[in-house]
Amino acid sequence: MFDQEDGELNIVMGVLFGIIALVIAFVIGIATYASRGQAVAPVEVEVVQLDGGVAFVEVEEVGEPLVKLYFEVGEYRLPGGFEDALSRVVSELQARPDAVVLVSGYHDETGGAEINATLARQRALQVREALYAVGVPEAKVRLRKPAVTLGDGEAAEARRVEIRVQ
């Protein structure tokens, strides 16, 4: 008799927890949907000093990246054809003189976390130096703290630097 009551109680508790999970997911979904429709101005939240005196900022990324540069495994040298990509950045910056260039380096979860973060940092620094070389003023370039790319995408997608003009 007790086994039957325990089984019924387990079913009731499972249904109750399921309903609670659905309500929470619904609320999060509504909040996410509502926040996507609002334009978010880039706001510098904090500056993180890393070794070598390089400052990385936490800035909200706005819109899609203008350019994505993909790197080989374990490499931080600029990929072939990067000059065309940088000329697009310069043209966009000339069209929008109040904008800044946001450079974001990414890495995946494979390998050592410290090595990956260093590699993403070196890639972003290479892109920053290339932007300086094509005439983008230092005051216009912001480096975003390296980020981990999660998901099922191709491995090359994780080995990238994104450039936004915002």
Protein backbone atom coordinates (compact mmCIF):
# COMPACT_ATOMS: atom_id res chain seq x y z
CA MET A 1 0.00 0.00 0.00
CA PHE A 2 2.80 2.38 0.82
CA ASP A 3 4.59 1.55 -2.44
CA GLN A 4 1.54 2.63 -4.44
CA GLU A 5 1.26 5.91 -2.48
CA ASP A 6 4.98 6.58 -2.93
CA GLY A 7 4.69 5.98 -6.67
CA GLU A 8 1.74 8.36 -6.94
CA LEU A 9 3.59 10.95 -4.88
CA ASN A 10 6.62 10.66 -7.18
CA ILE A 11 4.41 11.21 -10.23
CA VAL A 12 2.78 14.27 -8.66
CA MET A 13 6.18 15.71 -7.67
CA GLY A 14 7.56 15.08 -11.17
CA VAL A 15 4.63 16.87 -12.78
CA LEU A 16 4.93 19.76 -10.31
CA PHE A 17 8.65 20.20 -10.98
CA GLY A 18 8.00 19.99 -14.72
CA ILE A 19 5.43 22.79 -14.54
CA ILE A 20 7.79 24.95 -12.47
CA ALA A 21 10.58 24.41 -15.02
CA LEU A 22 8.26 25.37 -17.89
CA VAL A 23 7.17 28.57 -16.10
CA ILE A 24 10.80 29.56 -15.46
CA ALA A 25 11.75 28.86 -19.08
CA PHE A 26 8.76 30.90 -20.28
CA VAL A 27 9.71 33.90 -18.13
CA ILE A 28 13.34 33.76 -19.31
CA GLY A 29 12.19 33.47 -22.93
CA ILE A 30 9.90 36.51 -22.62
CA ALA A 31 12.68 38.55 -20.98
CA THR A 32 15.15 37.58 -23.72
CA TYR A 33 12.68 38.38 -26.47
CA ALA A 34 11.84 41.77 -24.94
CA SER A 35 15.51 42.73 -24.52
CA ARG A 36 16.37 41.94 -28.17
CA GLY A 37 14.10 44.67 -29.48
CA GLN A 38 15.87 47.40 -27.54
CA ALA A 39 18.93 49.14 -28.92
CA VAL A 40 21.78 48.91 -26.46
CA ALA A 41 24.44 51.60 -26.53
CA PRO A 42 27.97 50.33 -25.94
CA VAL A 43 28.89 50.87 -22.31
CA GLU A 44 32.34 50.30 -20.94
CA VAL A 45 31.81 48.37 -17.73
CA GLU A 46 35.34 47.69 -16.59
CA VAL A 47 38.90 47.81 -17.79
CA VAL A 48 40.95 44.69 -17.15
CA GLN A 49 44.72 45.09 -17.12
CA LEU A 50 46.55 42.04 -18.43
CA ASP A 51 50.26 41.40 -18.59
CA GLY A 52 52.24 43.74 -20.78
CA GLY A 53 50.08 46.71 -19.81
CA VAL A 54 47.41 45.88 -22.41
CA ALA A 55 43.93 47.08 -21.47
CA PHE A 56 40.92 44.98 -22.38
CA VAL A 57 37.43 46.37 -21.86
CA GLU A 58 34.07 44.75 -21.27
CA VAL A 59 31.89 46.41 -23.87
CA GLU A 60 28.51 45.27 -25.13
CA GLU A 61 28.82 44.05 -28.71
CA VAL A 62 26.30 45.81 -30.93
CA GLY A 63 25.07 44.17 -34.11
CA GLU A 64 26.84 41.68 -36.30
CA PRO A 65 30.61 41.81 -36.79
CA LEU A 66 31.78 43.68 -39.86
CA VAL A 67 34.73 41.33 -40.27
CA LYS A 68 35.66 37.86 -38.98
CA LEU A 69 39.27 36.75 -39.32
CA TYR A 70 39.92 33.01 -38.94
CA PHE A 71 43.25 31.69 -37.68
CA GLU A 72 45.02 28.35 -38.01
CA VAL A 73 45.31 26.04 -35.01
CA GLY A 74 47.87 27.38 -32.54
CA GLU A 75 48.66 30.42 -34.74
CA TYR A 76 48.25 34.11 -34.15
CA ARG A 77 49.79 35.39 -37.39
CA LEU A 78 47.25 37.26 -39.49
CA PRO A 79 45.55 35.08 -42.10
CA GLY A 80 45.92 35.71 -45.82
CA GLY A 81 43.57 38.32 -47.27
CA PHE A 82 43.31 40.30 -44.05
CA GLU A 83 44.17 43.53 -45.88
CA ASP A 84 40.80 43.56 -47.70
CA ALA A 85 38.99 43.02 -44.41
CA LEU A 86 40.84 45.90 -42.76
CA SER A 87 40.08 48.22 -45.67
CA ARG A 88 36.36 47.55 -45.07
CA VAL A 89 36.86 48.55 -41.44
CA VAL A 90 38.64 51.77 -42.43
CA SER A 91 35.88 52.65 -44.93
CA GLU A 92 33.16 52.05 -42.34
CA LEU A 93 35.03 54.10 -39.74
CA GLN A 94 35.39 56.99 -42.21
CA ALA A 95 31.64 56.86 -42.88
CA ARG A 96 30.94 56.91 -39.13
CA PRO A 97 33.53 59.21 -37.53
CA ASP A 98 31.97 58.97 -34.04
CA ALA A 99 32.22 55.17 -33.98
CA VAL A 100 34.93 53.02 -32.41
CA VAL A 101 36.43 49.72 -33.53
CA LEU A 102 35.82 46.79 -31.18
CA VAL A 103 38.22 43.85 -31.58
CA SER A 104 37.14 40.57 -29.94
CA GLY A 105 39.30 37.44 -29.83
CA TYR A 106 37.73 34.01 -29.30
CA HIS A 107 38.91 30.51 -28.44
CA ASP A 108 37.32 27.14 -27.83
CA GLU A 109 37.39 24.90 -24.76
CA THR A 110 39.89 22.37 -26.09
CA GLY A 111 43.41 22.46 -24.74
CA GLY A 112 44.57 24.42 -21.73
CA ALA A 113 42.43 27.39 -20.73
CA GLU A 114 45.45 29.62 -20.07
CA ILE A 115 47.07 28.78 -23.40
CA ASN A 116 43.81 29.38 -25.29
CA ALA A 117 43.22 32.73 -23.59
CA THR A 118 46.79 33.80 -24.38
CA LEU A 119 46.37 32.75 -28.00
CA ALA A 120 43.07 34.66 -28.35
CA ARG A 121 44.77 37.69 -26.77
CA GLN A 122 47.73 37.49 -29.19
CA ARG A 123 45.36 37.24 -32.17
CA ALA A 124 43.43 40.32 -31.03
CA LEU A 125 46.69 42.22 -30.49
CA GLN A 126 47.88 41.31 -34.01
CA VAL A 127 44.63 42.65 -35.45
CA ARG A 128 44.94 45.82 -33.36
CA GLU A 129 48.47 46.43 -34.63
CA ALA A 130 47.32 45.86 -38.22
CA LEU A 131 44.52 48.40 -37.71
CA TYR A 132 47.06 50.93 -36.45
CA ALA A 133 49.24 50.20 -39.49
CA VAL A 134 46.40 51.04 -41.91
CA GLY A 135 45.75 54.36 -40.19
CA VAL A 136 43.08 53.67 -37.56
CA PRO A 137 43.84 55.97 -34.60
CA GLU A 138 44.75 54.25 -31.33
CA ALA A 139 41.96 56.14 -29.53
CA LYS A 140 39.39 54.47 -31.81
CA VAL A 141 40.37 50.85 -31.08
CA ARG A 142 39.01 48.88 -28.12
CA LEU A 143 40.09 45.34 -27.25
CA ARG A 144 37.44 43.13 -25.70
CA LYS A 145 38.49 40.52 -23.16
CA PRO A 146 39.07 37.12 -24.86
CA ALA A 147 36.01 34.89 -24.78
CA VAL A 148 35.31 31.17 -25.02
CA THR A 149 33.17 30.04 -27.93
CA LEU A 150 30.69 27.35 -26.98
CA GLY A 151 28.49 25.31 -29.22
CA ASP A 152 28.46 22.79 -32.02
CA GLY A 153 29.98 24.97 -34.75
CA GLU A 154 33.10 24.21 -36.72
CA ALA A 155 36.39 24.39 -34.86
CA ALA A 156 37.58 27.22 -37.14
CA GLU A 157 34.70 29.36 -35.86
CA ALA A 158 36.27 29.31 -32.41
CA ARG A 159 39.68 30.44 -33.73
CA ARG A 160 38.57 33.88 -34.83
CA VAL A 161 38.80 37.58 -34.18
CA GLU A 162 35.69 39.68 -34.79
CA ILE A 163 35.86 43.36 -35.68
CA ARG A 164 32.88 45.63 -35.15
CA VAL A 165 32.52 49.33 -35.91
CA GLN A 166 30.00 50.65 -33.40
